[in-house]
Amino acid sequence: MQSITNHINNKFKKYSGNATQYYLPITKQWYTCRRLKKILQQYNLTLQEYYDKYLLLDINESYCMCCKHKATFVSIGQGYRLTCSNSSCKQYAKQHATKQNWRNADFRQKQLLQLN
């Protein structure tokens, strides 16, 4: 399993004053979220595609923690929801996990084993 690191340590994201900035390797420059979105449009990319390629810590993060369907992408700052739109999955998440726990590889592995 891929090791999990904190988003703060990610080389494509940094905090500068009140704004978060994101690095785009194509242009080799840092951008705020709003500016990044405009630049990505020039390259026919979305914020979700950027997030998946550069910020996603683990592929399992983009799937529902309960049923393994694709979770909804919220924003570049928040990433994906913990669950899909199924109400029973949302209820399961409220009872069993926080987003910080779900990003922890050991916690996620235990939860997945319990589902099987």
Protein backbone atom coordinates (compact mmCIF):
# COMPACT_ATOMS: atom_id res chain seq x y z
CA MET A 1 0.00 0.00 0.00
CA GLN A 2 1.20 3.49 -0.82
CA SER A 3 2.42 5.44 2.20
CA ILE A 4 0.22 8.28 3.35
CA THR A 5 1.66 11.74 3.96
CA ASN A 6 0.10 14.99 5.07
CA HIS A 7 -1.09 17.39 2.34
CA ILE A 8 1.05 20.11 3.93
CA ASN A 9 4.18 18.13 3.03
CA ASN A 10 3.08 17.75 -0.57
CA LYS A 11 5.49 19.44 -2.97
CA PHE A 12 2.59 20.68 -5.11
CA LYS A 13 0.80 22.61 -2.35
CA LYS A 14 2.06 25.34 -0.02
CA TYR A 15 0.55 27.87 2.34
CA SER A 16 1.47 31.49 1.76
CA GLY A 17 -0.11 33.98 4.16
CA ASN A 18 -3.89 33.64 3.86
CA ALA A 19 -3.79 31.87 0.49
CA THR A 20 -2.97 28.34 -0.48
CA GLN A 21 -0.87 28.04 -3.59
CA TYR A 22 -0.53 25.12 -5.98
CA TYR A 23 2.43 24.27 -8.17
CA LEU A 24 1.82 23.46 -11.83
CA PRO A 25 4.75 21.51 -13.35
CA ILE A 26 3.65 22.38 -16.89
CA THR A 27 4.36 26.07 -16.30
CA LYS A 28 6.78 25.61 -13.36
CA GLN A 29 4.91 28.29 -11.37
CA TRP A 30 2.79 28.61 -8.22
CA TYR A 31 -0.85 29.75 -8.46
CA THR A 32 -3.79 30.44 -6.18
CA CYS A 33 -6.79 28.17 -6.70
CA ARG A 34 -8.69 30.73 -8.77
CA ARG A 35 -5.73 31.41 -11.06
CA LEU A 36 -4.86 27.71 -11.29
CA LYS A 37 -8.35 26.94 -12.55
CA LYS A 38 -7.96 29.47 -15.38
CA ILE A 39 -4.51 28.19 -16.32
CA LEU A 40 -5.71 24.57 -16.31
CA GLN A 41 -8.50 25.47 -18.72
CA GLN A 42 -5.86 26.53 -21.22
CA TYR A 43 -4.47 22.98 -21.03
CA ASN A 44 -7.96 21.37 -21.12
CA LEU A 45 -7.63 20.11 -17.53
CA THR A 46 -10.02 20.38 -14.58
CA LEU A 47 -9.24 20.96 -10.92
CA GLN A 48 -10.29 17.36 -10.26
CA GLU A 49 -7.78 16.05 -12.79
CA TYR A 50 -5.06 18.23 -11.22
CA TYR A 51 -6.01 16.97 -7.76
CA ASP A 52 -5.95 13.34 -8.89
CA LYS A 53 -2.56 13.71 -10.56
CA TYR A 54 -0.67 15.84 -8.03
CA LEU A 55 -2.46 15.96 -4.67
CA LEU A 56 -4.27 12.65 -4.25
CA LEU A 57 -2.50 10.76 -1.49
CA ASP A 58 -4.00 7.35 -2.12
CA ILE A 59 -6.33 6.14 -4.89
CA ASN A 60 -8.72 4.76 -2.25
CA GLU A 61 -9.32 8.33 -1.08
CA SER A 62 -11.41 8.95 -4.21
CA TYR A 63 -13.79 6.06 -3.48
CA CYS A 64 -16.64 5.66 -1.00
CA MET A 65 -15.39 4.21 2.28
CA CYS A 66 -18.48 2.03 2.52
CA CYS A 67 -19.43 0.65 -0.90
CA LYS A 68 -16.34 1.49 -3.02
CA HIS A 69 -18.25 3.53 -5.62
CA LYS A 70 -16.58 6.73 -6.86
CA ALA A 71 -16.94 9.53 -4.30
CA THR A 72 -17.87 13.08 -5.26
CA PHE A 73 -15.06 15.57 -5.80
CA VAL A 74 -15.71 18.65 -3.66
CA SER A 75 -12.85 21.05 -4.31
CA ILE A 76 -9.10 21.20 -4.66
CA GLY A 77 -8.84 22.19 -1.00
CA GLN A 78 -11.13 19.48 0.37
CA GLY A 79 -10.60 16.69 -2.14
CA TYR A 80 -13.24 13.96 -2.24
CA ARG A 81 -16.17 13.26 0.06
CA LEU A 82 -15.82 10.25 2.34
CA THR A 83 -18.81 8.52 0.78
CA CYS A 84 -20.95 8.38 -2.33
CA SER A 85 -24.47 9.84 -2.33
CA ASN A 86 -26.06 6.71 -0.84
CA SER A 87 -27.73 7.59 2.49
CA SER A 88 -26.68 4.35 4.20
CA CYS A 89 -23.05 5.05 3.29
CA LYS A 90 -23.31 8.57 4.72
CA GLN A 91 -24.74 7.16 7.95
CA TYR A 92 -21.91 4.62 8.14
CA ALA A 93 -19.33 7.40 7.74
CA LYS A 94 -20.88 9.47 10.52
CA GLN A 95 -20.62 6.52 12.88
CA HIS A 96 -17.17 5.22 11.96
CA ALA A 97 -14.76 7.78 10.58
CA THR A 98 -13.54 11.30 10.15
CA LYS A 99 -11.70 12.46 7.05
CA GLN A 100 -8.42 12.50 8.98
CA ASN A 101 -8.94 8.88 10.05
CA TRP A 102 -9.86 7.82 6.52
CA ARG A 103 -6.59 9.25 5.19
CA ASN A 104 -4.71 7.11 7.72
CA ALA A 105 -3.70 3.90 5.94
CA ASP A 106 -3.98 1.65 9.02
CA PHE A 107 -7.46 2.90 9.90
CA ARG A 108 -8.64 2.53 6.29
CA GLN A 109 -7.27 -1.01 6.04
CA LYS A 110 -9.11 -2.07 9.23
CA GLN A 111 -12.38 -0.57 7.97
CA LEU A 112 -12.06 -2.29 4.60
CA LEU A 113 -11.40 -5.65 6.27
CA GLN A 114 -14.51 -5.24 8.42
CA LEU A 115 -16.65 -4.67 5.32
CA ASN A 116 -15.49 -7.89 3.65
